[in-house]
Protein backbone atom coordinates (compact mmCIF):
# COMPACT_ATOMS: atom_id res chain seq x y z
CA GLU A 1 0.56 -23.62 -2.65
CA LEU A 2 3.32 -23.71 -0.18
CA GLY A 3 1.24 -23.62 2.90
CA ALA A 4 2.62 -23.56 6.40
CA GLY A 5 5.03 -26.28 5.87
CA GLY A 6 6.45 -24.94 2.59
CA GLY A 7 6.48 -21.33 3.94
CA GLY A 8 8.76 -22.50 6.96
CA MET A 9 11.04 -24.26 4.69
CA LEU A 10 11.34 -21.52 2.23
CA ALA A 11 12.35 -19.16 5.20
CA CYS A 12 15.22 -21.44 5.98
CA VAL A 13 16.54 -21.23 2.45
CA LEU A 14 16.20 -17.42 2.01
CA HIS A 15 18.83 -17.04 4.64
CA ARG A 16 21.28 -18.33 2.15
CA CYS A 17 20.03 -15.75 -0.63
CA ALA A 18 21.35 -12.52 0.29
CA SER A 19 21.79 -11.49 -3.29
CA LEU A 20 18.14 -12.21 -4.45
CA ARG A 21 16.55 -9.18 -6.09
CA SER A 22 13.03 -10.46 -6.66
CA LEU A 23 10.75 -12.45 -4.64
CA ASN A 24 7.16 -13.66 -5.42
CA VAL A 25 5.40 -15.87 -2.95
CA SER A 26 1.82 -14.54 -3.61
CA SER A 27 -1.17 -16.87 -3.23
CA ASN A 28 0.38 -19.46 -1.15
CA ALA A 29 -1.83 -19.58 1.87
CA LEU A 30 0.97 -18.89 4.29
CA GLU A 31 -1.27 -17.34 6.88
CA ALA A 32 0.23 -15.61 10.06
CA GLY A 33 2.28 -18.50 11.35
CA ALA A 34 4.37 -19.58 8.29
CA GLY A 35 4.08 -16.25 6.86
CA GLY A 36 5.50 -14.58 9.95
CA VAL A 37 8.48 -16.88 9.90
CA LEU A 38 9.09 -16.13 6.09
CA CYS A 39 8.59 -12.39 6.95
CA ALA A 40 11.13 -12.46 9.70
CA SER A 41 13.72 -14.00 7.40
CA LEU A 42 13.35 -11.14 4.74
CA SER A 43 15.79 -8.84 6.59
CA SER A 44 18.72 -11.06 5.32
CA LEU A 45 17.78 -10.18 1.56
CA THR A 46 19.53 -6.81 1.54
CA SER A 47 19.51 -6.65 -2.33
CA LEU A 48 15.71 -7.31 -2.58
CA GLN A 49 14.01 -4.92 -5.11
CA VAL A 50 10.73 -6.55 -5.64
CA LEU A 51 8.59 -8.35 -3.09
CA GLN A 52 5.21 -9.77 -3.91
CA LEU A 53 3.23 -11.33 -0.83
CA HIS A 54 -0.36 -10.67 -1.82
CA THR A 55 -3.19 -13.02 -0.85
CA ASN A 56 -1.53 -14.93 1.87
CA GLY A 57 -3.86 -14.33 4.74
CA LEU A 58 -1.11 -12.93 6.98
CA GLY A 59 -3.44 -10.93 9.07
CA PRO A 60 -2.43 -8.36 11.73
CA ALA A 61 0.12 -10.92 13.42
CA GLY A 62 1.72 -11.33 10.07
CA ALA A 63 1.99 -7.51 9.54
CA ALA A 64 3.61 -7.04 12.90
CA LEU A 65 6.21 -9.72 12.13
CA LEU A 66 6.93 -8.36 8.65
CA ALA A 67 7.25 -4.68 9.75
CA PRO A 68 10.63 -5.03 11.47
CA SER A 69 12.25 -6.84 8.42
CA LEU A 70 11.24 -3.94 5.88
CA PRO A 71 13.69 -1.20 6.91
CA ALA A 72 16.48 -3.34 5.82
CA HIS A 73 15.28 -2.77 2.35
CA ALA A 74 15.03 0.99 2.60
CA ARG A 75 17.58 1.51 -0.17
CA SER A 76 16.61 -1.31 -2.42
CA LEU A 77 12.97 -2.19 -2.46
CA THR A 78 11.15 -0.41 -5.53
CA HIS A 79 8.13 -2.78 -5.82
CA LEU A 80 5.93 -4.14 -2.81
CA ASP A 81 2.77 -5.89 -3.10
CA LEU A 82 0.98 -6.78 0.15
CA SER A 83 -2.64 -6.60 -1.09
CA SER A 84 -5.37 -9.06 0.18
CA ASN A 85 -3.87 -10.07 3.36
CA GLY A 86 -6.48 -8.96 5.87
CA PHE A 87 -4.25 -6.94 7.79
CA GLY A 88 -7.26 -4.72 9.38
CA PRO A 89 -6.48 -1.59 11.34
CA GLU A 90 -3.98 -3.29 13.84
CA GLY A 91 -1.86 -4.48 10.84
CA ALA A 92 -1.82 -1.14 9.19
CA VAL A 93 -0.67 0.47 12.22
CA ALA A 94 2.11 -2.07 12.69
CA LEU A 95 3.26 -1.58 9.03
CA ALA A 96 2.88 2.22 8.74
CA GLY A 97 6.29 3.21 10.03
CA ALA A 98 8.24 0.53 8.13
CA VAL A 99 6.35 1.30 4.79
CA GLY A 100 7.46 5.02 5.25
CA ALA A 101 11.11 4.04 5.64
CA LEU A 102 11.01 2.60 2.03
CA THR A 103 11.92 5.84 0.32
CA GLU A 104 13.03 4.08 -2.94
CA LEU A 105 9.49 2.63 -3.38
CA GLN A 106 7.94 3.21 -6.77
CA LYS A 107 5.09 0.78 -6.71
CA LEU A 108 2.94 -0.04 -3.55
CA SER A 109 -0.08 -2.28 -3.34
CA LEU A 110 -2.14 -2.44 -0.13
CA GLY A 111 -5.45 -3.03 -1.61
CA TYR A 112 -8.25 -5.10 0.08
CA ASN A 113 -6.73 -5.19 3.57
CA GLN A 114 -9.69 -3.89 5.30
CA VAL A 115 -7.53 -1.16 7.27
CA GLY A 116 -10.52 1.01 8.02
CA PRO A 117 -10.41 4.75 9.08
CA ARG A 118 -7.63 3.95 11.80
CA GLY A 119 -5.58 2.27 9.28
CA GLY A 120 -5.80 5.02 6.82
CA MET A 121 -4.87 7.67 9.40
CA ALA A 122 -1.66 5.59 10.23
CA LEU A 123 -0.72 4.99 6.55
CA GLY A 124 -1.24 8.64 5.27
CA PRO A 125 1.81 10.09 6.90
CA ALA A 126 3.79 7.03 5.81
CA PHE A 127 2.76 7.64 2.19
CA ALA A 128 3.90 11.36 2.42
CA ARG A 129 7.40 10.10 2.89
CA LEU A 130 7.38 8.13 -0.51
CA ALA A 131 8.55 10.77 -2.90
CA MET A 132 9.61 8.27 -5.41
CA LEU A 133 6.28 6.49 -5.62
CA THR A 134 4.53 6.41 -9.15
CA ASP A 135 1.85 3.70 -8.58
CA LEU A 136 -0.32 3.30 -5.41
CA ASP A 137 -3.08 1.00 -5.02
CA ILE A 138 -5.16 1.20 -1.62
CA THR A 139 -8.38 -0.06 -3.22
CA GLY A 140 -11.11 -1.65 -0.96
CA ASN A 141 -9.98 -0.68 2.58
CA THR A 142 -13.07 1.14 3.78
CA MET A 143 -11.04 4.20 5.07
CA GLU A 144 -14.12 6.39 5.11
CA LYS A 145 -13.80 10.16 5.88
CA GLU A 146 -11.10 10.10 8.65
CA GLY A 147 -8.74 7.77 6.95
CA GLY A 148 -9.52 9.03 3.48
CA SER A 149 -8.73 12.48 4.48
CA ALA A 150 -5.51 11.65 5.94
CA VAL A 151 -4.37 9.67 2.75
CA ALA A 152 -5.59 12.62 0.67
CA GLU A 153 -3.56 15.14 2.50
CA ALA A 154 -0.53 13.04 2.35
CA LEU A 155 -0.74 12.69 -1.37
CA ALA A 156 0.33 16.21 -1.89
CA SER A 157 3.82 15.01 -1.14
CA THR A 158 3.75 12.19 -3.69
CA THR A 159 4.34 14.38 -6.67
CA ALA A 160 5.72 11.48 -8.90
CA LEU A 161 2.46 9.69 -8.91
CA THR A 162 1.26 8.41 -12.36
CA ALA A 163 -1.54 5.94 -11.04
CA LEU A 164 -3.70 6.09 -8.04
CA GLN A 165 -6.20 3.44 -7.16
CA PHE A 166 -8.28 4.89 -4.29
CA GLY A 167 -11.82 3.29 -4.92
CA TYR A 168 -14.00 1.37 -2.56
CA ASN A 169 -13.01 3.26 0.43
CA GLN A 170 -16.31 5.18 0.87
CA ILE A 171 -14.23 8.40 1.71
CA GLY A 172 -17.32 10.64 1.15
CA PRO A 173 -17.41 14.41 0.20
CA LYS A 174 -15.16 15.87 2.83
CA ALA A 175 -12.10 13.63 2.05
CA GLY A 176 -13.11 14.17 -1.59
CA GLN A 177 -12.51 17.78 -1.11
CA ARG A 178 -9.23 17.30 0.60
CA LEU A 179 -8.07 15.11 -2.46
CA ALA A 180 -9.10 17.89 -4.69
CA GLN A 181 -6.79 20.24 -2.92
CA SER A 182 -3.96 17.65 -3.40
CA LEU A 183 -4.54 16.97 -7.13
CA PRO A 184 -3.03 20.06 -8.73
CA VAL A 185 0.43 19.11 -7.71
CA LEU A 186 0.13 15.61 -9.07
CA SER A 187 0.95 16.74 -12.62
CA SER A 188 1.99 13.33 -13.80
CA LEU A 189 -1.12 11.51 -12.82
CA THR A 190 -2.83 9.58 -15.65
CA THR A 191 -5.26 7.29 -13.74
CA LEU A 192 -7.22 8.08 -10.73
CA GLY A 193 -9.66 5.27 -9.60
CA LEU A 194 -12.44 6.42 -7.22
CA SER A 195 -15.27 4.04 -7.62
CA GLU A 196 -17.58 3.56 -4.83
CA SER A 197 -16.14 6.68 -2.91
CA HIS A 198 -19.56 8.23 -1.89
CA LEU A 199 -18.94 11.51 -3.52
CA GLU A 200 -21.43 14.21 -4.44
CA ASP A 201 -21.81 15.38 -8.00
CA ALA A 202 -20.18 18.84 -7.07
CA VAL A 203 -17.13 17.13 -5.62
CA LYS A 204 -16.77 14.92 -8.72
CA GLU A 205 -16.93 17.82 -11.06
CA GLU A 206 -14.44 19.63 -8.77
CA LEU A 207 -12.04 16.71 -9.10
CA ARG A 208 -12.33 16.41 -12.89
CA ARG A 209 -11.54 20.02 -12.97
CA VAL A 210 -8.38 20.12 -11.06
CA ALA A 211 -7.07 16.81 -12.28
CA PRO A 212 -4.21 16.77 -14.79
CA SER A 213 -5.70 17.25 -18.27
CA GLU A 214 -4.48 13.76 -19.42
CA CYS A 215 -5.74 12.12 -16.19
CA ASN A 216 -8.71 9.44 -16.63
CA VAL A 217 -10.71 9.88 -13.46
CA ILE A 218 -12.90 6.91 -12.84
CA PHE A 219 -15.96 7.14 -10.54
CA GLY A 220 -17.47 3.77 -11.50
């Protein structure tokens, strides 16, 4: 683990690594302080294609510091993993615009950040801008009906998706029905995770019916 001290030292080094293409500092207990300093230094890495920052406890403050650095990678970043950082609704709102600017993204992981309904409503429009996205993991964010519906509507624009992990969000039947409306255009989808989605049997059947024939729909 780098911890707070190591995270700050790494941030100083990164300013001299403009050609770096991949950075993985996951599971290093950076938290908001050191994590924020590190996140602020990322704008200098203009060739970055892969950024993995999961499980660092960045929290809402870290999300707010990370957001301004992300647009610098709009033409390069293809893989972004920010899962398990406890962003909460405030962090999701802070990140939404920046995530939506990353139009070359192919893989995005935002699972287990407790973004809630408000966070889901903020992130939905951002996802709609990610036309290149093939793999989206937003598991375990308790988006419920409002956030789940916003995301489900946005997914109609992510037509390149092959894998969607949307489970443990308790989206309920209304958002499930909205998802069913988006599924027919996701013709490349092969995996759809919907565990603990609080869906009625009729909604589950409709989702199975409209999903691509080769898609494995998992209700758990």
